[in-house]
Amino acid sequence: MVERMRAVFIFLVLLVLLALAVPATFAVQYWLDGRAVIARAEQRGALRTPLAGRLSTAEYTIAMSEFGETWRTQAQPCRTFANLWADLTSESAPGGVPVSQKASTSLLGEQRGTSVRWQVRRLIVACQLERRFDDRQLLRLWLEGAYFGQDATGVETAARRYFDKSSSELNSEEAARLAVLLRAPGLRNQPERWTERARVIQERVAAVAR
């Protein structure tokens, strides 16, 4: 009887260890996959260390418009998972998507946003980016490949295309107009709506800066 109970106990222990090992194996696999994504991006030149420091008017306007509640100027490793946990367990979690997730989406370069596996990969890559860069650097990384409509990819190209000047020279109104195009590039063909949306963003950014 004792031997039988011992065998049952050992069997249960093995089941528990197996149940713990399987998720751990998948976690390690996804983590290594995330590192591989970043390594490939570095090899093809899609990921290099962005500049840190003070943001231009255009960068600040876009940052506050897109990432206001989630914006952080200090690197916080794996903040993405902390935000996800807060979103699941708290009613006061910050709204919106952190810039790290936008940057990781650009690095993955895949159009399978509804795939659970793709979403997990995006979170893992975002977490690894957060370990290396602060939000100002991640913003600059993302803006290099962001689409502003009319075949304008990247904030510098967009500034030249729409305002014939460098992005660092844009004033607050022009910066707000660019911020509008990130979510609704088609509004460039609707001047009145484009102007109104830009005005709303200017007011929102001004309120944050107070």
Foldseek 3Di string as FASTA:
>chain_A
DVVVVVVVVVVVVVVVVVVVVVVVVVVVVLLVVLVVLVVVCVVVVLDDFFDADDDALLLLLLCCLQPVQPADNAQDALVVVVLVVCVVPHPPRGDHDALLLLLLCVSVPDDPVVDPSVVSSSSSNSNVVSVPDHRSRSSQSNQQAQDQDPPQGHPQSVCCVPPNDGSNPDDLLVSLLSSVSSVPSVCVVVVVVSNVSSVVSSVSSVVSVD
